[in-house]
């Protein structure tokens, strides 16, 4: 899944500077469904679930009417050129956009960048295409990305990178309480997003959309079970779970919205999942790490071929 594709960008945490060792180098669980706290209307969740499984006959027409109508604004994340030597400075090697030099649409790298920015890490971003990965990246980690190099040591596998970031760098803790350790895997949002977004057989769209909505319902029920007023997926501060969940939801708001005509904006304004995303999307750590929506659309279009 590491190679599959995934707002306002900024320079903080990913400044344009040499990515090599010296400045002279040239750069560019708890169950998902819990007991709702007093005063929380669980019937709302039931209604949201009903939306996910009802009205199936009308979904196809809705998708066709809305396909390509939405796009989220974004600016570019500053990137460094591919260095020939392995850098000592903290550097994220990630998928490049179709132009081969700017940030590509990798949801896994997006999650990693959110974590780095929350921690306040000063790092470089180096997008790599299939034909310009540095030799050491191919030799040491078989070209796998995202790859974070820190003090000359390469780290791969998104979940492991995220845990390593939290343990290595000072700043707010991103640790996920043990009770919620399986939150991301149980919600299974990204697999459902990927299956729906890259599907090119329109006869399967209705079923795949229902499957996606059911995964969102599982997450919604988790949110209902939290104390009233909890801002994010586990607490009032971001955790590693939020990093992964938000990166998946951004795919819905960018590529899925354009290619399938459905996004979180189709949910009620007071929907828990929609409100969760809108709160978190306003954070600089999120908005400054997004790839442009049009790049996401291009990436998923290629995945559909």
C-alpha atoms as a PDB file:
ATOM      1  CA  UNK A   1       0.000   0.000   0.000  1.00  0.00           C
ATOM      2  CA  UNK A   2       3.034   2.290   0.407  1.00  0.00           C
ATOM      3  CA  UNK A   3       3.066   3.099  -3.302  1.00  0.00           C
ATOM      4  CA  UNK A   4      -0.586   4.055  -3.657  1.00  0.00           C
ATOM      5  CA  UNK A   5      -1.432   7.722  -4.334  1.00  0.00           C
ATOM      6  CA  UNK A   6      -3.090  10.193  -1.440  1.00  0.00           C
ATOM      7  CA  UNK A   7      -4.401  23.240   2.231  1.00  0.00           C
ATOM      8  CA  UNK A   8      -2.659  25.749   2.087  1.00  0.00           C
ATOM      9  CA  UNK A   9       0.996  24.847   1.836  1.00  0.00           C
ATOM     10  CA  UNK A  10       3.808  26.588   3.617  1.00  0.00           C
ATOM     11  CA  UNK A  11       7.535  26.658   4.158  1.00  0.00           C
ATOM     12  CA  UNK A  12       7.661  25.916   7.868  1.00  0.00           C
ATOM     13  CA  UNK A  13       9.342  22.593   8.559  1.00  0.00           C
ATOM     14  CA  UNK A  14      10.326  21.942   4.949  1.00  0.00           C
ATOM     15  CA  UNK A  15      12.535  24.851   3.975  1.00  0.00           C
ATOM     16  CA  UNK A  16      14.235  24.854   0.611  1.00  0.00           C
ATOM     17  CA  UNK A  17      17.845  24.090   1.397  1.00  0.00           C
ATOM     18  CA  UNK A  18      20.539  21.537   0.504  1.00  0.00           C
ATOM     19  CA  UNK A  19      19.447  18.008   1.368  1.00  0.00           C
ATOM     20  CA  UNK A  20      22.994  16.607   1.404  1.00  0.00           C
ATOM     21  CA  UNK A  21      25.544  16.447   4.200  1.00  0.00           C
ATOM     22  CA  UNK A  22      27.001  19.876   3.409  1.00  0.00           C
ATOM     23  CA  UNK A  23      25.465  23.173   2.283  1.00  0.00           C
ATOM     24  CA  UNK A  24      27.516  23.019  -0.904  1.00  0.00           C
ATOM     25  CA  UNK A  25      25.321  20.240  -2.305  1.00  0.00           C
ATOM     26  CA  UNK A  26      22.710  21.400  -4.805  1.00  0.00           C
ATOM     27  CA  UNK A  27      19.141  20.911  -3.462  1.00  0.00           C
ATOM     28  CA  UNK A  28      15.570  21.703  -4.607  1.00  0.00           C
ATOM     29  CA  UNK A  29      -7.992  -0.971  21.841  1.00  0.00           C
ATOM     30  CA  UNK A  30     -11.269   0.014  22.784  1.00  0.00           C
ATOM     31  CA  UNK A  31     -14.065  -1.214  20.533  1.00  0.00           C
ATOM     32  CA  UNK A  32     -14.914   1.186  17.748  1.00  0.00           C
ATOM     33  CA  UNK A  33     -18.491   1.410  18.963  1.00  0.00           C
ATOM     34  CA  UNK A  34     -18.791   2.617  22.526  1.00  0.00           C
ATOM     35  CA  UNK A  35     -21.417   3.928  24.860  1.00  0.00           C
ATOM     36  CA  UNK A  36     -22.339   7.482  24.029  1.00  0.00           C
ATOM     37  CA  UNK A  37     -21.829   9.973  26.865  1.00  0.00           C
ATOM     38  CA  UNK A  38     -24.886  11.497  28.520  1.00  0.00           C
ATOM     39  CA  UNK A  39     -26.734  13.885  26.269  1.00  0.00           C
ATOM     40  CA  UNK A  40     -25.183  12.493  23.050  1.00  0.00           C
ATOM     41  CA  UNK A  41     -27.882  11.323  20.675  1.00  0.00           C
ATOM     42  CA  UNK A  42     -26.848   7.898  19.434  1.00  0.00           C
ATOM     43  CA  UNK A  43     -29.824   8.001  17.105  1.00  0.00           C
ATOM     44  CA  UNK A  44     -27.892  10.484  14.986  1.00  0.00           C
ATOM     45  CA  UNK A  45     -25.308   7.791  14.332  1.00  0.00           C
ATOM     46  CA  UNK A  46     -28.036   5.383  13.379  1.00  0.00           C
ATOM     47  CA  UNK A  47     -29.414   7.937  10.966  1.00  0.00           C
ATOM     48  CA  UNK A  48     -25.982   8.500   9.459  1.00  0.00           C
ATOM     49  CA  UNK A  49     -25.583   4.761   9.011  1.00  0.00           C
ATOM     50  CA  UNK A  50     -28.942   4.633   7.295  1.00  0.00           C
ATOM     51  CA  UNK A  51     -27.733   7.273   4.860  1.00  0.00           C
ATOM     52  CA  UNK A  52     -24.798   5.035   4.056  1.00  0.00           C
ATOM     53  CA  UNK A  53     -26.936   2.063   3.097  1.00  0.00           C
ATOM     54  CA  UNK A  54     -30.143   3.674   1.845  1.00  0.00           C
ATOM     55  CA  UNK A  55     -30.927   5.410  -1.402  1.00  0.00           C
ATOM     56  CA  UNK A  56     -28.505   3.234  -3.308  1.00  0.00           C
ATOM     57  CA  UNK A  57     -30.485   3.535  -6.506  1.00  0.00           C
ATOM     58  CA  UNK A  58     -29.896   7.279  -6.627  1.00  0.00           C
ATOM     59  CA  UNK A  59     -26.179   7.246  -5.883  1.00  0.00           C
ATOM     60  CA  UNK A  60     -25.059   6.662  -9.442  1.00  0.00           C
ATOM     61  CA  UNK A  61     -26.871   9.729 -10.717  1.00  0.00           C
ATOM     62  CA  UNK A  62     -25.559  11.810  -7.818  1.00  0.00           C
ATOM     63  CA  UNK A  63     -22.002  10.775  -8.590  1.00  0.00           C
ATOM     64  CA  UNK A  64     -22.331  11.577 -12.274  1.00  0.00           C
ATOM     65  CA  UNK A  65     -23.776  15.026 -11.578  1.00  0.00           C
ATOM     66  CA  UNK A  66     -21.139  16.025  -9.062  1.00  0.00           C
ATOM     67  CA  UNK A  67     -18.046  14.432 -10.545  1.00  0.00           C
ATOM     68  CA  UNK A  68     -15.269  16.959 -10.931  1.00  0.00           C
ATOM     69  CA  UNK A  69     -17.116  19.838  -9.281  1.00  0.00           C
ATOM     70  CA  UNK A  70     -14.946  20.259  -6.181  1.00  0.00           C
ATOM     71  CA  UNK A  71     -11.331  21.180  -5.630  1.00  0.00           C
ATOM     72  CA  UNK A  72      -9.554  22.190  -2.441  1.00  0.00           C
ATOM     73  CA  UNK A  73      -7.130  25.090  -2.572  1.00  0.00           C
ATOM     74  CA  UNK A  74      -3.469  24.455  -1.888  1.00  0.00           C
ATOM     75  CA  UNK A  75      -0.067  25.981  -2.377  1.00  0.00           C
ATOM     76  CA  UNK A  76       3.200  24.164  -2.874  1.00  0.00           C
ATOM     77  CA  UNK A  77       5.358  22.593  -0.185  1.00  0.00           C
ATOM     78  CA  UNK A  78       8.960  23.670  -0.751  1.00  0.00           C
ATOM     79  CA  UNK A  79      11.094  20.805  -2.043  1.00  0.00           C
ATOM     80  CA  UNK A  80      14.804  20.119  -2.480  1.00  0.00           C
ATOM     81  CA  UNK A  81      16.526  18.488  -5.445  1.00  0.00           C
ATOM     82  CA  UNK A  82      17.494  14.823  -5.227  1.00  0.00           C
ATOM     83  CA  UNK A  83      20.950  14.589  -3.583  1.00  0.00           C
ATOM     84  CA  UNK A  84      23.519  12.080  -4.802  1.00  0.00           C
ATOM     85  CA  UNK A  85      24.691  11.295  -1.268  1.00  0.00           C
ATOM     86  CA  UNK A  86      22.608  10.242   1.703  1.00  0.00           C
ATOM     87  CA  UNK A  87      21.872  13.388   3.742  1.00  0.00           C
ATOM     88  CA  UNK A  88      22.712  13.793   7.415  1.00  0.00           C
ATOM     89  CA  UNK A  89      20.019  16.390   7.885  1.00  0.00           C
ATOM     90  CA  UNK A  90      16.437  15.194   8.504  1.00  0.00           C
ATOM     91  CA  UNK A  91      15.009  14.589   5.031  1.00  0.00           C
ATOM     92  CA  UNK A  92      11.798  13.040   3.730  1.00  0.00           C
ATOM     93  CA  UNK A  93      12.122  11.187   0.422  1.00  0.00           C
ATOM     94  CA  UNK A  94       8.722  10.851  -1.168  1.00  0.00           C
ATOM     95  CA  UNK A  95       6.819  10.319  -4.388  1.00  0.00           C
ATOM     96  CA  UNK A  96       7.175  13.121  -6.926  1.00  0.00           C
ATOM     97  CA  UNK A  97       4.339  14.714  -8.865  1.00  0.00           C
ATOM     98  CA  UNK A  98       4.075  14.051 -12.618  1.00  0.00           C
ATOM     99  CA  UNK A  99       6.498  16.951 -13.228  1.00  0.00           C
ATOM    100  CA  UNK A 100       9.160  14.886 -11.454  1.00  0.00           C
ATOM    101  CA  UNK A 101      10.246  17.625  -9.055  1.00  0.00           C
ATOM    102  CA  UNK A 102       7.324  18.811  -6.907  1.00  0.00           C
ATOM    103  CA  UNK A 103       5.490  17.037  -4.093  1.00  0.00           C
ATOM    104  CA  UNK A 104       3.457  14.028  -5.190  1.00  0.00           C
ATOM    105  CA  UNK A 105       0.213  12.575  -3.897  1.00  0.00           C
ATOM    106  CA  UNK A 106       1.335  10.103  -1.262  1.00  0.00           C
ATOM    107  CA  UNK A 107      -1.052   9.853   1.715  1.00  0.00           C
ATOM    108  CA  UNK A 108       1.590   8.020   3.724  1.00  0.00           C
ATOM    109  CA  UNK A 109       4.082  10.853   3.287  1.00  0.00           C
ATOM    110  CA  UNK A 110       1.297  13.293   4.137  1.00  0.00           C
ATOM    111  CA  UNK A 111       0.780  11.522   7.471  1.00  0.00           C
ATOM    112  CA  UNK A 112       4.527  11.621   8.123  1.00  0.00           C
ATOM    113  CA  UNK A 113       4.708  15.345   7.360  1.00  0.00           C
ATOM    114  CA  UNK A 114       1.816  16.107   9.709  1.00  0.00           C
ATOM    115  CA  UNK A 115       3.705  14.348  12.511  1.00  0.00           C
ATOM    116  CA  UNK A 116       6.971  16.140  11.715  1.00  0.00           C
ATOM    117  CA  UNK A 117       5.264  19.517  11.716  1.00  0.00           C
ATOM    118  CA  UNK A 118       3.404  18.919  14.984  1.00  0.00           C
ATOM    119  CA  UNK A 119       6.773  18.046  16.519  1.00  0.00           C
ATOM    120  CA  UNK A 120       8.326  21.197  15.093  1.00  0.00           C
ATOM    121  CA  UNK A 121      11.031  19.317  13.196  1.00  0.00           C
ATOM    122  CA  UNK A 122      13.073  21.289  10.656  1.00  0.00           C
ATOM    123  CA  UNK A 123      13.349  18.984   7.636  1.00  0.00           C
ATOM    124  CA  UNK A 124      13.692  18.844   3.867  1.00  0.00           C
ATOM    125  CA  UNK A 125      11.334  17.226   1.372  1.00  0.00           C
ATOM    126  CA  UNK A 126      12.901  15.456  -1.617  1.00  0.00           C
ATOM    127  CA  UNK A 127      10.409  14.187  -4.225  1.00  0.00           C
ATOM    128  CA  UNK A 128      11.708  11.291  -6.320  1.00  0.00           C
ATOM    129  CA  UNK A 129      10.368   9.855  -9.551  1.00  0.00           C
ATOM    130  CA  UNK A 130      10.743   6.201 -10.565  1.00  0.00           C
ATOM    131  CA  UNK A 131      13.903   6.971 -12.531  1.00  0.00           C
ATOM    132  CA  UNK A 132      15.830   9.352 -10.289  1.00  0.00           C
ATOM    133  CA  UNK A 133      15.946   7.669  -6.903  1.00  0.00           C
ATOM    134  CA  UNK A 134      19.460   7.971  -5.437  1.00  0.00           C
ATOM    135  CA  UNK A 135      21.545   4.759  -5.485  1.00  0.00           C
ATOM    136  CA  UNK A 136      21.680   4.469  -1.700  1.00  0.00           C
ATOM    137  CA  UNK A 137      17.842   4.547  -1.520  1.00  0.00           C
ATOM    138  CA  UNK A 138      17.644   1.647  -3.965  1.00  0.00           C
ATOM    139  CA  UNK A 139      20.406  -0.312  -2.256  1.00  0.00           C
ATOM    140  CA  UNK A 140      19.423   0.164   1.391  1.00  0.00           C
ATOM    141  CA  UNK A 141      15.616   0.153   1.322  1.00  0.00           C
ATOM    142  CA  UNK A 142      14.839  -1.086  -2.200  1.00  0.00           C
ATOM    143  CA  UNK A 143      13.662   2.381  -3.200  1.00  0.00           C
ATOM    144  CA  UNK A 144      10.819   2.307  -0.690  1.00  0.00           C
ATOM    145  CA  UNK A 145       9.123   5.610   0.101  1.00  0.00           C
ATOM    146  CA  UNK A 146       8.250   7.440   2.198  1.00  0.00           C
ATOM    147  CA  UNK A 147      11.715   7.255   3.670  1.00  0.00           C
ATOM    148  CA  UNK A 148      12.925   9.613   6.378  1.00  0.00           C
ATOM    149  CA  UNK A 149      16.684   9.996   6.748  1.00  0.00           C
ATOM    150  CA  UNK A 150      17.932  11.386  10.046  1.00  0.00           C
ATOM    151  CA  UNK A 151      21.617  11.662  10.907  1.00  0.00           C
ATOM    152  CA  UNK A 152      22.424   9.358   8.017  1.00  0.00           C
ATOM    153  CA  UNK A 153      20.017   6.581   9.036  1.00  0.00           C
ATOM    154  CA  UNK A 154      17.066   5.670   6.806  1.00  0.00           C
ATOM    155  CA  UNK A 155      13.639   4.886   8.256  1.00  0.00           C
ATOM    156  CA  UNK A 156      10.827   3.268   6.241  1.00  0.00           C
ATOM    157  CA  UNK A 157       7.339   1.784   6.758  1.00  0.00           C
ATOM    158  CA  UNK A 158       4.852   4.519   7.599  1.00  0.00           C
ATOM    159  CA  UNK A 159       3.631   3.176  10.937  1.00  0.00           C
ATOM    160  CA  UNK A 160       7.209   2.652  12.103  1.00  0.00           C
ATOM    161  CA  UNK A 161       8.277   6.102  10.892  1.00  0.00           C
ATOM    162  CA  UNK A 162       5.431   7.718  12.823  1.00  0.00           C
ATOM    163  CA  UNK A 163       6.316   5.920  16.057  1.00  0.00           C
ATOM    164  CA  UNK A 164       9.989   6.768  15.559  1.00  0.00           C
ATOM    165  CA  UNK A 165       9.167  10.465  15.056  1.00  0.00           C
ATOM    166  CA  UNK A 166       7.212  10.559  18.306  1.00  0.00           C
ATOM    167  CA  UNK A 167       9.983   8.825  20.254  1.00  0.00           C
ATOM    168  CA  UNK A 168      12.901  10.732  18.709  1.00  0.00           C
ATOM    169  CA  UNK A 169      11.901  14.382  18.615  1.00  0.00           C
ATOM    170  CA  UNK A 170      10.845  16.690  21.453  1.00  0.00           C
ATOM    171  CA  UNK A 171       7.541  18.472  21.358  1.00  0.00           C
ATOM    172  CA  UNK A 172       3.943  17.407  21.962  1.00  0.00           C
ATOM    173  CA  UNK A 173       3.460  13.686  22.463  1.00  0.00           C
ATOM    174  CA  UNK A 174       1.698  11.967  19.559  1.00  0.00           C
ATOM    175  CA  UNK A 175       1.368   8.638  21.327  1.00  0.00           C
ATOM    176  CA  UNK A 176      -1.922   6.808  20.888  1.00  0.00           C
ATOM    177  CA  UNK A 177      -3.353   5.427  24.158  1.00  0.00           C
ATOM    178  CA  UNK A 178      -3.356   1.640  24.207  1.00  0.00           C
ATOM    179  CA  UNK A 179      -7.158   1.538  24.268  1.00  0.00           C
ATOM    180  CA  UNK A 180      -7.202   3.180  20.835  1.00  0.00           C
ATOM    181  CA  UNK A 181      -4.245   1.372  19.283  1.00  0.00           C
ATOM    182  CA  UNK A 182      -6.468  -0.330  16.680  1.00  0.00           C
ATOM    183  CA  UNK A 183      -8.547   2.736  15.835  1.00  0.00           C
ATOM    184  CA  UNK A 184      -7.133   3.300  12.335  1.00  0.00           C
ATOM    185  CA  UNK A 185      -7.181  -0.353  11.295  1.00  0.00           C
ATOM    186  CA  UNK A 186     -10.691  -0.955  12.620  1.00  0.00           C
ATOM    187  CA  UNK A 187     -12.123   2.071  10.887  1.00  0.00           C
ATOM    188  CA  UNK A 188     -10.405   0.918   7.665  1.00  0.00           C
ATOM    189  CA  UNK A 189     -11.072   4.251   5.982  1.00  0.00           C
ATOM    190  CA  UNK A 190      -8.110   4.354   3.627  1.00  0.00           C
ATOM    191  CA  UNK A 191      -8.668   0.907   2.051  1.00  0.00           C
ATOM    192  CA  UNK A 192     -12.283   1.882   1.369  1.00  0.00           C
ATOM    193  CA  UNK A 193     -11.236   5.271  -0.035  1.00  0.00           C
ATOM    194  CA  UNK A 194      -8.645   3.668  -2.295  1.00  0.00           C
ATOM    195  CA  UNK A 195     -10.990   0.992  -3.605  1.00  0.00           C
ATOM    196  CA  UNK A 196     -13.731   3.500  -4.421  1.00  0.00           C
ATOM    197  CA  UNK A 197     -11.527   6.245  -5.846  1.00  0.00           C
ATOM    198  CA  UNK A 198      -9.480   4.086  -8.193  1.00  0.00           C
ATOM    199  CA  UNK A 199     -12.425   2.018  -9.403  1.00  0.00           C
ATOM    200  CA  UNK A 200     -13.066   2.511 -13.122  1.00  0.00           C
ATOM    201  CA  UNK A 201     -16.118   0.228 -13.368  1.00  0.00           C
ATOM    202  CA  UNK A 202     -19.104   2.510 -12.782  1.00  0.00           C
ATOM    203  CA  UNK A 203     -21.367  -0.480 -12.120  1.00  0.00           C
ATOM    204  CA  UNK A 204     -19.451  -1.033  -8.854  1.00  0.00           C
ATOM    205  CA  UNK A 205     -19.510   2.577  -7.673  1.00  0.00           C
ATOM    206  CA  UNK A 206     -22.705   2.319  -5.636  1.00  0.00           C
ATOM    207  CA  UNK A 207     -21.499  -0.655  -3.598  1.00  0.00           C
ATOM    208  CA  UNK A 208     -18.047   0.828  -3.113  1.00  0.00           C
ATOM    209  CA  UNK A 209     -19.495   4.139  -1.945  1.00  0.00           C
ATOM    210  CA  UNK A 210     -21.685   2.328   0.580  1.00  0.00           C
ATOM    211  CA  UNK A 211     -18.588   0.476   1.785  1.00  0.00           C
ATOM    212  CA  UNK A 212     -16.759   3.787   2.222  1.00  0.00           C
ATOM    213  CA  UNK A 213     -19.699   5.318   4.065  1.00  0.00           C
ATOM    214  CA  UNK A 214     -19.835   2.320   6.393  1.00  0.00           C
ATOM    215  CA  UNK A 215     -16.146   2.768   7.228  1.00  0.00           C
ATOM    216  CA  UNK A 216     -16.872   6.414   8.026  1.00  0.00           C
ATOM    217  CA  UNK A 217     -19.774   5.258  10.191  1.00  0.00           C
ATOM    218  CA  UNK A 218     -17.415   3.060  12.215  1.00  0.00           C
ATOM    219  CA  UNK A 219     -15.220   6.092  12.825  1.00  0.00           C
ATOM    220  CA  UNK A 220     -18.295   8.214  13.555  1.00  0.00           C
ATOM    221  CA  UNK A 221     -19.437   5.779  16.247  1.00  0.00           C
ATOM    222  CA  UNK A 222     -15.985   6.002  17.803  1.00  0.00           C
ATOM    223  CA  UNK A 223     -16.284   9.798  17.885  1.00  0.00           C
ATOM    224  CA  UNK A 224     -19.728   9.528  19.491  1.00  0.00           C
ATOM    225  CA  UNK A 225     -18.239   7.449  22.288  1.00  0.00           C
ATOM    226  CA  UNK A 226     -15.669  10.104  23.212  1.00  0.00           C
ATOM    227  CA  UNK A 227     -16.411  12.700  25.898  1.00  0.00           C
ATOM    228  CA  UNK A 228     -18.473  15.562  24.494  1.00  0.00           C
ATOM    229  CA  UNK A 229     -16.248  18.328  23.165  1.00  0.00           C
ATOM    230  CA  UNK A 230     -13.241  16.142  22.338  1.00  0.00           C
ATOM    231  CA  UNK A 231     -11.621  17.859  19.364  1.00  0.00           C
ATOM    232  CA  UNK A 232      -9.739  15.070  17.648  1.00  0.00           C
ATOM    233  CA  UNK A 233      -9.747  11.299  17.251  1.00  0.00           C
ATOM    234  CA  UNK A 234      -8.478  10.465  20.728  1.00  0.00           C
ATOM    235  CA  UNK A 235      -8.120  13.679  22.720  1.00  0.00           C
ATOM    236  CA  UNK A 236      -7.900  17.445  22.391  1.00  0.00           C
ATOM    237  CA  UNK A 237      -4.457  17.165  20.797  1.00  0.00           C
ATOM    238  CA  UNK A 238      -3.362  15.358  17.655  1.00  0.00           C
ATOM    239  CA  UNK A 239      -1.984  11.838  17.855  1.00  0.00           C
ATOM    240  CA  UNK A 240      -0.429   9.461  15.333  1.00  0.00           C
ATOM    241  CA  UNK A 241      -3.932   8.129  14.700  1.00  0.00           C
ATOM    242  CA  UNK A 242      -5.020  11.583  13.558  1.00  0.00           C
ATOM    243  CA  UNK A 243      -2.045  11.825  11.210  1.00  0.00           C
ATOM    244  CA  UNK A 244      -3.147   8.693   9.365  1.00  0.00           C
ATOM    245  CA  UNK A 245      -6.872   9.405   9.452  1.00  0.00           C
ATOM    246  CA  UNK A 246      -6.524  12.960   8.179  1.00  0.00           C
ATOM    247  CA  UNK A 247      -4.281  11.903   5.309  1.00  0.00           C
ATOM    248  CA  UNK A 248      -6.953   9.416   4.215  1.00  0.00           C
ATOM    249  CA  UNK A 249      -9.779  11.936   4.560  1.00  0.00           C
ATOM    250  CA  UNK A 250      -7.824  14.429   2.461  1.00  0.00           C
ATOM    251  CA  UNK A 251      -7.955  11.949  -0.423  1.00  0.00           C
ATOM    252  CA  UNK A 252     -11.753  12.062  -0.176  1.00  0.00           C
ATOM    253  CA  UNK A 253     -11.746  15.856  -0.244  1.00  0.00           C
ATOM    254  CA  UNK A 254      -9.430  16.066  -3.236  1.00  0.00           C
ATOM    255  CA  UNK A 255      -9.230  13.072  -5.585  1.00  0.00           C
ATOM    256  CA  UNK A 256     -12.471  11.326  -4.613  1.00  0.00           C
ATOM    257  CA  UNK A 257     -14.435  14.564  -4.858  1.00  0.00           C
ATOM    258  CA  UNK A 258     -13.130  15.205  -8.355  1.00  0.00           C
ATOM    259  CA  UNK A 259     -13.192  11.688  -9.790  1.00  0.00           C
ATOM    260  CA  UNK A 260     -16.308  10.357  -8.065  1.00  0.00           C
ATOM    261  CA  UNK A 261     -18.306  13.456  -7.218  1.00  0.00           C
ATOM    262  CA  UNK A 262     -18.580  12.597  -3.513  1.00  0.00           C
ATOM    263  CA  UNK A 263     -16.838  14.107  -0.503  1.00  0.00           C
ATOM    264  CA  UNK A 264     -17.351  14.824   3.173  1.00  0.00           C
ATOM    265  CA  UNK A 265     -19.199  17.956   2.080  1.00  0.00           C
ATOM    266  CA  UNK A 266     -22.095  15.670   1.137  1.00  0.00           C
ATOM    267  CA  UNK A 267     -22.529  14.759   4.797  1.00  0.00           C
ATOM    268  CA  UNK A 268     -24.701  16.954   7.055  1.00  0.00           C
ATOM    269  CA  UNK A 269     -22.931  20.065   8.348  1.00  0.00           C
ATOM    270  CA  UNK A 270     -23.116  18.750  11.917  1.00  0.00           C
ATOM    271  CA  UNK A 271     -21.839  15.289  11.019  1.00  0.00           C
ATOM    272  CA  UNK A 272     -19.122  14.225  13.460  1.00  0.00           C
ATOM    273  CA  UNK A 273     -16.671  13.039  10.816  1.00  0.00           C
ATOM    274  CA  UNK A 274     -17.082  16.179   8.724  1.00  0.00           C
ATOM    275  CA  UNK A 275     -16.651  18.444  11.748  1.00  0.00           C
ATOM    276  CA  UNK A 276     -13.612  16.455  12.884  1.00  0.00           C
ATOM    277  CA  UNK A 277     -11.975  16.899   9.485  1.00  0.00           C
ATOM    278  CA  UNK A 278     -12.782  20.612   9.287  1.00  0.00           C
ATOM    279  CA  UNK A 279     -11.306  21.254  12.743  1.00  0.00           C
ATOM    280  CA  UNK A 280      -8.099  19.410  11.966  1.00  0.00           C
ATOM    281  CA  UNK A 281      -7.758  20.743   8.412  1.00  0.00           C
ATOM    282  CA  UNK A 282      -7.502  24.260   9.852  1.00  0.00           C
ATOM    283  CA  UNK A 283      -4.315  23.345  11.720  1.00  0.00           C
ATOM    284  CA  UNK A 284      -1.029  24.542  10.154  1.00  0.00           C
ATOM    285  CA  UNK A 285       0.493  21.078  10.585  1.00  0.00           C
ATOM    286  CA  UNK A 286      -2.151  19.748   8.222  1.00  0.00           C
ATOM    287  CA  UNK A 287      -2.554  22.587   5.749  1.00  0.00           C
ATOM    288  CA  UNK A 288       1.190  23.135   5.320  1.00  0.00           C
ATOM    289  CA  UNK A 289       1.838  19.496   4.436  1.00  0.00           C
ATOM    290  CA  UNK A 290      -0.837  18.901   1.769  1.00  0.00           C
ATOM    291  CA  UNK A 291       0.047  18.112  -1.827  1.00  0.00           C
ATOM    292  CA  UNK A 292      -2.052  20.152  -4.313  1.00  0.00           C
ATOM    293  CA  UNK A 293      -5.504  18.659  -4.996  1.00  0.00           C
ATOM    294  CA  UNK A 294      -4.897  18.528  -8.747  1.00  0.00           C
ATOM    295  CA  UNK A 295      -1.790  16.416  -8.139  1.00  0.00           C
ATOM    296  CA  UNK A 296      -3.918  14.002  -6.124  1.00  0.00           C
ATOM    297  CA  UNK A 297      -6.429  13.785  -8.956  1.00  0.00           C
ATOM    298  CA  UNK A 298      -3.661  13.046 -11.455  1.00  0.00           C
ATOM    299  CA  UNK A 299      -2.196  10.346  -9.230  1.00  0.00           C
ATOM    300  CA  UNK A 300      -5.466   8.525  -8.744  1.00  0.00           C
ATOM    301  CA  UNK A 301      -6.314   8.843 -12.421  1.00  0.00           C
ATOM    302  CA  UNK A 302      -3.093   6.979 -13.163  1.00  0.00           C
ATOM    303  CA  UNK A 303      -3.995   4.345 -10.557  1.00  0.00           C
ATOM    304  CA  UNK A 304      -7.304   3.768 -12.370  1.00  0.00           C
ATOM    305  CA  UNK A 305      -5.567   2.795 -15.607  1.00  0.00           C
END
